C-alpha atoms as a PDB file:
ATOM      1  CA  UNK A   1      65.118   9.417  88.199  1.00  0.00           C
ATOM      2  CA  UNK A   2      68.376   8.094  86.655  1.00  0.00           C
ATOM      3  CA  UNK A   3      70.241   9.495  83.733  1.00  0.00           C
ATOM      4  CA  UNK A   4      70.191   8.022  80.255  1.00  0.00           C
ATOM      5  CA  UNK A   5      73.150   5.958  79.071  1.00  0.00           C
ATOM      6  CA  UNK A   6      75.665   8.036  77.130  1.00  0.00           C
ATOM      7  CA  UNK A   7      78.140   7.150  74.384  1.00  0.00           C
ATOM      8  CA  UNK A   8      80.798   6.234  76.955  1.00  0.00           C
ATOM      9  CA  UNK A   9      78.584   3.792  78.860  1.00  0.00           C
ATOM     10  CA  UNK A  10      77.221   2.200  75.679  1.00  0.00           C
ATOM     11  CA  UNK A  11      80.748   1.868  74.260  1.00  0.00           C
ATOM     12  CA  UNK A  12      82.060   0.329  77.495  1.00  0.00           C
ATOM     13  CA  UNK A  13      79.215  -2.202  77.492  1.00  0.00           C
ATOM     14  CA  UNK A  14      79.859  -2.973  73.840  1.00  0.00           C
ATOM     15  CA  UNK A  15      83.547  -3.523  74.570  1.00  0.00           C
ATOM     16  CA  UNK A  16      82.728  -5.842  77.469  1.00  0.00           C
ATOM     17  CA  UNK A  17      80.486  -7.940  75.252  1.00  0.00           C
ATOM     18  CA  UNK A  18      83.202  -8.035  72.588  1.00  0.00           C
ATOM     19  CA  UNK A  19      85.862  -9.163  75.060  1.00  0.00           C
ATOM     20  CA  UNK A  20      83.476 -11.812  76.323  1.00  0.00           C
ATOM     21  CA  UNK A  21      82.965 -13.177  72.816  1.00  0.00           C
ATOM     22  CA  UNK A  22      79.360 -11.955  72.676  1.00  0.00           C
ATOM     23  CA  UNK A  23      79.703 -10.288  69.305  1.00  0.00           C
ATOM     24  CA  UNK A  24      75.967 -10.296  68.601  1.00  0.00           C
ATOM     25  CA  UNK A  25      75.226  -8.437  71.844  1.00  0.00           C
ATOM     26  CA  UNK A  26      77.898  -5.835  71.027  1.00  0.00           C
ATOM     27  CA  UNK A  27      76.461  -5.460  67.546  1.00  0.00           C
ATOM     28  CA  UNK A  28      72.938  -4.980  68.925  1.00  0.00           C
ATOM     29  CA  UNK A  29      74.131  -2.099  71.107  1.00  0.00           C
ATOM     30  CA  UNK A  30      76.024  -0.555  68.200  1.00  0.00           C
ATOM     31  CA  UNK A  31      72.974  -0.791  65.897  1.00  0.00           C
ATOM     32  CA  UNK A  32      70.769   0.736  68.614  1.00  0.00           C
ATOM     33  CA  UNK A  33      73.216   3.638  68.920  1.00  0.00           C
ATOM     34  CA  UNK A  34      73.131   4.147  65.154  1.00  0.00           C
ATOM     35  CA  UNK A  35      69.345   4.180  65.031  1.00  0.00           C
ATOM     36  CA  UNK A  36      68.363   6.034  68.193  1.00  0.00           C
ATOM     37  CA  UNK A  37      71.501   7.502  69.751  1.00  0.00           C
ATOM     38  CA  UNK A  38      73.701   8.478  71.251  1.00  0.00           C
ATOM     39  CA  UNK A  39      75.887   9.048  68.180  1.00  0.00           C
ATOM     40  CA  UNK A  40      78.776   6.528  68.115  1.00  0.00           C
ATOM     41  CA  UNK A  41      82.226   8.049  68.693  1.00  0.00           C
ATOM     42  CA  UNK A  42      85.513   7.190  66.990  1.00  0.00           C
ATOM     43  CA  UNK A  43      86.293   4.902  69.942  1.00  0.00           C
ATOM     44  CA  UNK A  44      82.917   3.195  69.477  1.00  0.00           C
ATOM     45  CA  UNK A  45      83.805   2.486  65.850  1.00  0.00           C
ATOM     46  CA  UNK A  46      87.272   1.230  66.799  1.00  0.00           C
ATOM     47  CA  UNK A  47      85.722  -1.181  69.290  1.00  0.00           C
ATOM     48  CA  UNK A  48      82.993  -2.502  67.011  1.00  0.00           C
ATOM     49  CA  UNK A  49      85.523  -3.080  64.212  1.00  0.00           C
ATOM     50  CA  UNK A  50      87.773  -4.985  66.622  1.00  0.00           C
ATOM     51  CA  UNK A  51      84.808  -6.981  67.936  1.00  0.00           C
ATOM     52  CA  UNK A  52      83.694  -7.909  64.424  1.00  0.00           C
ATOM     53  CA  UNK A  53      87.206  -8.872  63.315  1.00  0.00           C
ATOM     54  CA  UNK A  54      87.889 -10.965  66.405  1.00  0.00           C
ATOM     55  CA  UNK A  55      84.481 -12.593  65.981  1.00  0.00           C
ATOM     56  CA  UNK A  56      85.211 -13.361  62.306  1.00  0.00           C
ATOM     57  CA  UNK A  57      82.330 -11.128  61.199  1.00  0.00           C
ATOM     58  CA  UNK A  58      84.333  -9.724  58.317  1.00  0.00           C
ATOM     59  CA  UNK A  59      81.357  -8.668  56.201  1.00  0.00           C
ATOM     60  CA  UNK A  60      79.984  -6.594  59.065  1.00  0.00           C
ATOM     61  CA  UNK A  61      83.387  -4.985  59.695  1.00  0.00           C
ATOM     62  CA  UNK A  62      83.679  -4.113  56.007  1.00  0.00           C
ATOM     63  CA  UNK A  63      80.213  -2.554  56.004  1.00  0.00           C
ATOM     64  CA  UNK A  64      81.016  -0.384  59.028  1.00  0.00           C
ATOM     65  CA  UNK A  65      84.349   0.692  57.536  1.00  0.00           C
ATOM     66  CA  UNK A  66      82.748   1.491  54.162  1.00  0.00           C
ATOM     67  CA  UNK A  67      80.131   3.601  55.952  1.00  0.00           C
ATOM     68  CA  UNK A  68      82.917   5.614  57.582  1.00  0.00           C
ATOM     69  CA  UNK A  69      84.507   6.202  54.178  1.00  0.00           C
ATOM     70  CA  UNK A  70      81.266   7.659  52.792  1.00  0.00           C
ATOM     71  CA  UNK A  71      81.214  11.387  53.564  1.00  0.00           C
ATOM     72  CA  UNK A  72      77.484  11.564  52.803  1.00  0.00           C
ATOM     73  CA  UNK A  73      76.677   9.037  55.546  1.00  0.00           C
ATOM     74  CA  UNK A  74      79.279   9.566  58.268  1.00  0.00           C
ATOM     75  CA  UNK A  75      80.691  12.750  59.763  1.00  0.00           C
ATOM     76  CA  UNK A  76      83.540  10.633  61.184  1.00  0.00           C
ATOM     77  CA  UNK A  77      86.431   9.430  59.080  1.00  0.00           C
ATOM     78  CA  UNK A  78      88.374   6.225  59.688  1.00  0.00           C
ATOM     79  CA  UNK A  79      91.433   6.833  61.816  1.00  0.00           C
ATOM     80  CA  UNK A  80      94.764   5.044  61.903  1.00  0.00           C
ATOM     81  CA  UNK A  81      93.542   2.381  64.374  1.00  0.00           C
ATOM     82  CA  UNK A  82      90.566   1.581  62.170  1.00  0.00           C
ATOM     83  CA  UNK A  83      92.798   1.184  59.124  1.00  0.00           C
ATOM     84  CA  UNK A  84      95.144  -1.072  61.098  1.00  0.00           C
ATOM     85  CA  UNK A  85      92.213  -3.250  62.154  1.00  0.00           C
ATOM     86  CA  UNK A  86      91.087  -3.598  58.538  1.00  0.00           C
ATOM     87  CA  UNK A  87      94.603  -4.547  57.402  1.00  0.00           C
ATOM     88  CA  UNK A  88      94.675  -7.142  60.177  1.00  0.00           C
ATOM     89  CA  UNK A  89      91.229  -8.413  59.175  1.00  0.00           C
ATOM     90  CA  UNK A  90      92.215  -8.911  55.556  1.00  0.00           C
ATOM     91  CA  UNK A  91      95.375 -10.691  56.675  1.00  0.00           C
ATOM     92  CA  UNK A  92      93.274 -12.926  58.932  1.00  0.00           C
ATOM     93  CA  UNK A  93      90.911 -13.631  56.027  1.00  0.00           C
ATOM     94  CA  UNK A  94      93.827 -14.341  53.671  1.00  0.00           C
ATOM     95  CA  UNK A  95      92.849 -11.458  51.383  1.00  0.00           C
ATOM     96  CA  UNK A  96      96.239  -9.843  50.855  1.00  0.00           C
ATOM     97  CA  UNK A  97      95.137  -7.747  47.870  1.00  0.00           C
ATOM     98  CA  UNK A  98      92.539  -5.965  49.989  1.00  0.00           C
ATOM     99  CA  UNK A  99      95.056  -5.499  52.825  1.00  0.00           C
ATOM    100  CA  UNK A 100      97.360  -3.815  50.332  1.00  0.00           C
ATOM    101  CA  UNK A 101      94.511  -1.646  48.999  1.00  0.00           C
ATOM    102  CA  UNK A 102      93.555  -0.492  52.493  1.00  0.00           C
ATOM    103  CA  UNK A 103      97.193   0.366  53.117  1.00  0.00           C
ATOM    104  CA  UNK A 104      97.366   2.374  49.877  1.00  0.00           C
ATOM    105  CA  UNK A 105      94.117   4.176  50.645  1.00  0.00           C
ATOM    106  CA  UNK A 106      95.616   5.490  53.891  1.00  0.00           C
ATOM    107  CA  UNK A 107      97.971   7.690  51.877  1.00  0.00           C
ATOM    108  CA  UNK A 108      95.174   8.764  49.539  1.00  0.00           C
ATOM    109  CA  UNK A 109      93.026   9.781  52.535  1.00  0.00           C
ATOM    110  CA  UNK A 110      96.024  11.406  54.264  1.00  0.00           C
ATOM    111  CA  UNK A 111      95.948   9.054  57.234  1.00  0.00           C
ATOM    112  CA  UNK A 112      99.358   8.789  58.853  1.00  0.00           C
ATOM    113  CA  UNK A 113     101.228   5.569  58.063  1.00  0.00           C
ATOM    114  CA  UNK A 114     103.356   4.766  61.092  1.00  0.00           C
ATOM    115  CA  UNK A 115     105.777   2.030  62.029  1.00  0.00           C
ATOM    116  CA  UNK A 116     102.756   0.131  63.358  1.00  0.00           C
ATOM    117  CA  UNK A 117     101.126   0.414  59.932  1.00  0.00           C
ATOM    118  CA  UNK A 118     104.165  -0.969  58.147  1.00  0.00           C
ATOM    119  CA  UNK A 119     104.592  -3.730  60.733  1.00  0.00           C
ATOM    120  CA  UNK A 120     100.939  -4.691  60.335  1.00  0.00           C
ATOM    121  CA  UNK A 121     101.299  -4.961  56.599  1.00  0.00           C
ATOM    122  CA  UNK A 122     104.644  -6.767  56.739  1.00  0.00           C
ATOM    123  CA  UNK A 123     103.192  -9.281  59.210  1.00  0.00           C
ATOM    124  CA  UNK A 124     100.365  -9.865  56.750  1.00  0.00           C
ATOM    125  CA  UNK A 125     102.871 -11.046  54.170  1.00  0.00           C
ATOM    126  CA  UNK A 126     105.337 -12.728  56.527  1.00  0.00           C
ATOM    127  CA  UNK A 127     105.691 -15.850  54.362  1.00  0.00           C
ATOM    128  CA  UNK A 128     105.703 -13.955  51.059  1.00  0.00           C
ATOM    129  CA  UNK A 129     109.199 -12.487  50.928  1.00  0.00           C
ATOM    130  CA  UNK A 130     108.619 -10.775  47.587  1.00  0.00           C
ATOM    131  CA  UNK A 131     105.719  -8.771  49.054  1.00  0.00           C
ATOM    132  CA  UNK A 132     107.673  -7.967  52.231  1.00  0.00           C
ATOM    133  CA  UNK A 133     110.507  -6.686  50.057  1.00  0.00           C
ATOM    134  CA  UNK A 134     108.103  -4.385  48.171  1.00  0.00           C
ATOM    135  CA  UNK A 135     106.715  -2.996  51.431  1.00  0.00           C
ATOM    136  CA  UNK A 136     110.180  -2.504  52.844  1.00  0.00           C
ATOM    137  CA  UNK A 137     111.173  -0.578  49.735  1.00  0.00           C
ATOM    138  CA  UNK A 138     108.245   1.815  50.356  1.00  0.00           C
ATOM    139  CA  UNK A 139     109.568   2.633  53.805  1.00  0.00           C
END
């Protein structure tokens, strides 16, 4: 008798579907993990956020991220990679106000803002020199 799939095997399968552009298949695995286990890991959340963003499923990415922010629902908290993905998503969607808010919430939640964070935000505003100047002044 074989062993049951674990979080690592489910996450690897989810990532493969995401890389193959099969966002719905990746989402189905993620939803199954949420409902019947195994419990998704931080890496699982990083991968599903990336899959949703690359698949232009912004609403779904937002919902997952918001779930992670709710301490009553999720024992995990968004990490730096998850915040970076959300900044990138809002840039991709053209929603610069939300990108800026996500950036600001990193400090509020005590998530480290690195060079990658600042580069992500600056790249979001690459044609808006006034905004880039404001970000640069924060560094």
